[in-house]
C-alpha atoms as a PDB file:
ATOM      1  CA  MET A   1       4.170 -39.911 -39.377  1.00  0.00           C
ATOM      2  CA  THR A   2       1.815 -37.356 -40.762  1.00  0.00           C
ATOM      3  CA  LEU A   3       2.186 -33.654 -40.298  1.00  0.00           C
ATOM      4  CA  SER A   4      -0.622 -33.387 -37.738  1.00  0.00           C
ATOM      5  CA  SER A   5       0.751 -36.251 -35.618  1.00  0.00           C
ATOM      6  CA  ARG A   6       4.210 -34.630 -35.626  1.00  0.00           C
ATOM      7  CA  PHE A   7       2.650 -31.353 -34.544  1.00  0.00           C
ATOM      8  CA  ILE A   8       0.812 -33.084 -31.689  1.00  0.00           C
ATOM      9  CA  ALA A   9       4.020 -34.856 -30.636  1.00  0.00           C
ATOM     10  CA  ILE A  10       5.962 -31.571 -30.617  1.00  0.00           C
ATOM     11  CA  VAL A  11       3.271 -29.808 -28.601  1.00  0.00           C
ATOM     12  CA  ALA A  12       3.096 -32.679 -26.105  1.00  0.00           C
ATOM     13  CA  ALA A  13       6.881 -32.766 -25.714  1.00  0.00           C
ATOM     14  CA  SER A  14       7.130 -29.019 -25.219  1.00  0.00           C
ATOM     15  CA  LEU A  15       4.358 -29.111 -22.614  1.00  0.00           C
ATOM     16  CA  LEU A  16       6.102 -31.916 -20.752  1.00  0.00           C
ATOM     17  CA  LEU A  17       9.522 -30.294 -20.872  1.00  0.00           C
ATOM     18  CA  GLY A  18       8.734 -26.622 -20.665  1.00  0.00           C
ATOM     19  CA  GLY A  19       5.073 -26.457 -19.712  1.00  0.00           C
ATOM     20  CA  THR A  20       5.779 -25.586 -16.120  1.00  0.00           C
ATOM     21  CA  ALA A  21       7.557 -22.414 -17.213  1.00  0.00           C
ATOM     22  CA  PHE A  22       4.261 -21.081 -18.527  1.00  0.00           C
ATOM     23  CA  ALA A  23       2.333 -21.896 -15.380  1.00  0.00           C
ATOM     24  CA  GLN A  24       4.803 -20.449 -12.899  1.00  0.00           C
ATOM     25  CA  THR A  25       5.313 -16.795 -12.269  1.00  0.00           C
ATOM     26  CA  THR A  26       7.941 -15.137 -10.207  1.00  0.00           C
ATOM     27  CA  ALA A  27       7.008 -13.416  -7.000  1.00  0.00           C
ATOM     28  CA  PRO A  28       7.181  -9.630  -7.108  1.00  0.00           C
ATOM     29  CA  ALA A  29      10.326  -8.245  -5.598  1.00  0.00           C
ATOM     30  CA  THR A  30       9.851  -6.675  -2.217  1.00  0.00           C
ATOM     31  CA  SER A  31      11.168  -3.170  -2.064  1.00  0.00           C
ATOM     32  CA  ALA A  32      13.466  -1.893   0.602  1.00  0.00           C
ATOM     33  CA  PRO A  33      12.039   0.781   2.920  1.00  0.00           C
ATOM     34  CA  GLY A  34      14.134   3.520   1.336  1.00  0.00           C
ATOM     35  CA  SER A  35      13.543   2.597  -2.291  1.00  0.00           C
ATOM     36  CA  ALA A  36      11.591   4.570  -4.846  1.00  0.00           C
ATOM     37  CA  MET A  37       8.893   1.887  -4.929  1.00  0.00           C
ATOM     38  CA  ALA A  38       7.703   2.534  -1.364  1.00  0.00           C
ATOM     39  CA  PRO A  39       5.396   5.604  -1.447  1.00  0.00           C
ATOM     40  CA  ALA A  40       4.818   5.504   2.307  1.00  0.00           C
ATOM     41  CA  ALA A  41       8.538   5.817   2.903  1.00  0.00           C
ATOM     42  CA  LYS A  42       8.690   8.972   0.758  1.00  0.00           C
ATOM     43  CA  LYS A  43       6.632  10.983   3.206  1.00  0.00           C
ATOM     44  CA  ALA A  44       8.684  12.369   6.016  1.00  0.00           C
ATOM     45  CA  GLN A  45       6.619  12.340   9.152  1.00  0.00           C
ATOM     46  CA  LYS A  46       6.278  15.708  10.806  1.00  0.00           C
ATOM     47  CA  PRO A  47       6.549  15.900  14.567  1.00  0.00           C
ATOM     48  CA  HIS A  48       3.181  16.436  16.228  1.00  0.00           C
ATOM     49  CA  THR A  49       2.637  19.797  17.854  1.00  0.00           C
ATOM     50  CA  ALA A  50       1.387  20.154  21.398  1.00  0.00           C
ATOM     51  CA  ALA A  51      -1.904  21.575  20.078  1.00  0.00           C
ATOM     52  CA  SER A  52      -2.343  18.624  17.729  1.00  0.00           C
ATOM     53  CA  LEU A  53      -1.757  16.121  20.522  1.00  0.00           C
ATOM     54  CA  GLU A  54      -4.132  17.956  22.858  1.00  0.00           C
ATOM     55  CA  CYS A  55      -6.844  18.062  20.175  1.00  0.00           C
ATOM     56  CA  SER A  56      -6.389  14.330  19.584  1.00  0.00           C
ATOM     57  CA  LYS A  57      -6.794  13.640  23.298  1.00  0.00           C
ATOM     58  CA  GLU A  58      -9.991  15.703  23.369  1.00  0.00           C
ATOM     59  CA  ALA A  59     -11.329  13.866  20.311  1.00  0.00           C
ATOM     60  CA  ASP A  60     -10.538  10.536  22.001  1.00  0.00           C
ATOM     61  CA  ALA A  61     -12.332  11.654  25.169  1.00  0.00           C
ATOM     62  CA  LYS A  62     -15.400  12.561  23.118  1.00  0.00           C
ATOM     63  CA  GLY A  63     -15.246   9.247  21.257  1.00  0.00           C
ATOM     64  CA  LEU A  64     -15.095  10.900  17.836  1.00  0.00           C
ATOM     65  CA  HIS A  65     -14.212   8.889  14.736  1.00  0.00           C
ATOM     66  CA  GLY A  66     -13.997   9.462  11.000  1.00  0.00           C
ATOM     67  CA  LYS A  67     -15.230  12.721   9.530  1.00  0.00           C
ATOM     68  CA  GLU A  68     -16.450  14.065  12.869  1.00  0.00           C
ATOM     69  CA  ARG A  69     -13.009  13.547  14.409  1.00  0.00           C
ATOM     70  CA  LYS A  70     -11.257  15.173  11.448  1.00  0.00           C
ATOM     71  CA  LYS A  71     -13.575  18.189  11.579  1.00  0.00           C
ATOM     72  CA  PHE A  72     -13.204  18.547  15.344  1.00  0.00           C
ATOM     73  CA  ARG A  73      -9.398  18.342  15.211  1.00  0.00           C
ATOM     74  CA  SER A  74      -9.245  20.847  12.366  1.00  0.00           C
ATOM     75  CA  GLU A  75     -11.363  23.367  14.290  1.00  0.00           C
ATOM     76  CA  CYS A  76      -9.478  22.700  17.521  1.00  0.00           C
ATOM     77  CA  LYS A  77      -6.079  23.256  15.914  1.00  0.00           C
ATOM     78  CA  ALA A  78      -7.329  26.435  14.209  1.00  0.00           C
ATOM     79  CA  LYS A  79      -8.461  27.807  17.580  1.00  0.00           C
ATOM     80  CA  ALA A  80      -5.112  26.900  19.129  1.00  0.00           C
ATOM     81  CA  ALA A  81      -3.214  28.632  16.330  1.00  0.00           C
ATOM     82  CA  LYS A  82      -5.075  31.959  16.757  1.00  0.00           C
ATOM     83  CA  PRO A  83      -3.286  34.396  19.049  1.00  0.00           C
ATOM     84  CA  ASN A  84      -5.350  35.628  22.009  1.00  0.00           C
END
């Protein structure tokens, strides 16, 4: 056997025996809800205030969405926070 034919035989054998190891990847590990990998779990949700809930109801009644809703709720909550 010549050097090139040996090389081809070795490559073919390694592809047959171990070729699937190159094609397969492992699935990423799913993180538990309390792990450091879950950024959404890091945020502790604050309880909604009565003013916040009322402003949300008003925004729903007006059919506001997106930036308009955010602006309306911000102004509404600011008015509710001001003492009379």
